[in-house]
Protein backbone atom coordinates (compact mmCIF):
# COMPACT_ATOMS: atom_id res chain seq x y z
CA MET A 1 0.00 0.00 0.00
CA ASN A 2 1.23 3.33 -0.83
CA GLU A 3 1.20 6.20 1.62
CA ALA A 4 -1.73 8.08 0.02
CA LYS A 5 -3.99 5.01 0.21
CA LEU A 6 -2.95 4.44 3.82
CA ILE A 7 -3.79 8.03 4.70
CA GLU A 8 -7.15 7.74 2.92
CA LEU A 9 -7.88 4.49 4.74
CA MET A 10 -7.03 6.09 8.08
CA ARG A 11 -9.30 9.03 7.31
CA THR A 12 -12.15 6.68 6.46
CA VAL A 13 -11.63 4.69 9.66
CA MET A 14 -11.42 7.87 11.72
CA LYS A 15 -14.59 9.22 10.13
CA GLU A 16 -16.42 6.01 10.96
CA GLU A 17 -15.10 6.08 14.53
CA LEU A 18 -16.14 9.72 14.94
CA LYS A 19 -19.72 9.26 13.67
CA PRO A 20 -21.12 8.02 17.02
CA ILE A 21 -19.30 10.80 18.83
CA GLU A 22 -20.67 13.39 16.41
CA LYS A 23 -24.14 11.92 16.84
CA ARG A 24 -23.89 12.14 20.63
CA LEU A 25 -22.49 15.65 20.36
CA GLY A 26 -25.44 16.66 18.18
CA ALA A 27 -27.87 15.23 20.75
CA ILE A 28 -26.08 17.09 23.54
CA GLU A 29 -26.27 20.32 21.57
CA LEU A 30 -30.00 19.81 21.00
CA ARG A 31 -30.57 19.25 24.72
CA GLN A 32 -28.46 22.28 25.49
CA ASP A 33 -30.57 24.39 23.11
CA GLY A 34 -33.70 23.11 24.84
CA MET A 35 -32.24 24.01 28.22
CA ARG A 36 -31.42 27.50 26.96
CA GLU A 37 -35.02 27.94 25.82
CA GLU A 38 -36.31 26.73 29.18
CA GLN A 39 -33.93 29.05 30.99
CA SER A 40 -35.11 31.96 28.87
CA ALA A 41 -38.74 31.10 29.66
CA LEU A 42 -37.91 30.91 33.37
CA ILE A 43 -36.22 34.30 33.23
CA GLN A 44 -39.27 35.79 31.51
CA ASN A 45 -41.59 34.19 34.08
CA GLN A 46 -39.44 35.55 36.89
CA ALA A 47 -39.57 39.04 35.41
CA SER A 48 -43.35 38.76 35.14
CA SER A 49 -43.58 37.49 38.73
CA ASN A 50 -41.39 40.35 39.92
CA ALA A 51 -43.63 42.88 38.17
CA MET A 52 -46.74 41.31 39.71
CA LEU A 53 -45.11 41.28 43.15
CA LYS A 54 -44.20 44.96 42.82
CA ALA A 55 -47.78 45.77 41.84
CA LEU A 56 -49.05 43.83 44.87
CA VAL A 57 -46.63 45.61 47.18
CA ASP A 58 -47.77 48.96 45.77
CA ASP A 59 -51.42 47.96 46.29
CA VAL A 60 -50.75 46.85 49.88
CA ASN A 61 -48.94 50.10 50.64
CA TYR A 62 -51.86 52.06 49.17
CA ILE A 63 -54.32 50.06 51.28
CA LYS A 64 -52.18 50.61 54.37
CA GLY A 65 -52.41 54.35 53.74
CA ASP A 66 -56.19 54.09 53.42
CA VAL A 67 -56.45 52.04 56.63
CA THR A 68 -54.31 54.58 58.48
CA ALA A 69 -56.51 57.41 57.25
CA LEU A 70 -59.65 55.50 58.25
CA LYS A 71 -58.23 54.83 61.74
CA GLU A 72 -57.39 58.50 62.16
CA GLY A 73 -60.90 59.45 61.05
CA GLN A 74 -62.39 56.88 63.41
CA ASP A 75 -60.32 58.29 66.28
CA ARG A 76 -61.60 61.80 65.50
CA GLN A 77 -65.18 60.51 65.37
CA ASN A 78 -64.71 58.74 68.71
CA LYS A 79 -63.48 61.97 70.30
CA VAL A 80 -66.48 63.83 68.87
CA LEU A 81 -68.82 61.14 70.22
CA GLU A 82 -67.19 61.32 73.65
CA SER A 83 -67.55 65.08 73.63
CA LEU A 84 -71.20 64.87 72.56
CA ALA A 85 -71.93 62.20 75.18
CA LEU A 86 -70.37 64.36 77.89
CA ARG A 87 -72.30 67.37 76.67
CA SER A 88 -75.52 65.35 76.63
CA LEU A 89 -74.94 64.27 80.24
CA GLU A 90 -74.27 67.87 81.24
CA GLN A 91 -77.46 69.00 79.50
CA GLU A 92 -79.49 66.26 81.21
CA THR A 93 -78.10 67.40 84.54
CA ASP A 94 -79.01 70.99 83.70
CA ILE A 95 -82.54 69.92 82.70
CA ARG A 96 -82.99 68.03 86.00
CA ASP A 97 -81.73 71.03 87.92
CA LEU A 98 -84.17 73.32 86.06
CA LYS A 99 -87.06 70.92 86.74
CA ARG A 100 -86.25 70.96 90.46
CA ILE A 101 -86.20 74.73 90.50
CA LYS A 102 -89.69 74.98 89.00
């Protein structure tokens, strides 16, 4: 055998030996592409979840402000009611005193 035929034969043998490796490499690359797509989808879902969480936090903070305002208003109303109740008691006492005088 001459050298050229030997080299050609070696190339053919090497190509045959490399085919299963190339096939496995192709399968690995396909799985890797799939994993990249899944990772991209997860990143997008996380961004969406983060946006929803921020909106919820904003809503909760807004509601907290409303609750605080309502509590303050309720406290003012309670003070007014206490004042009116005290005034009513004073007026009832005055009315009783006036009835005794008559």
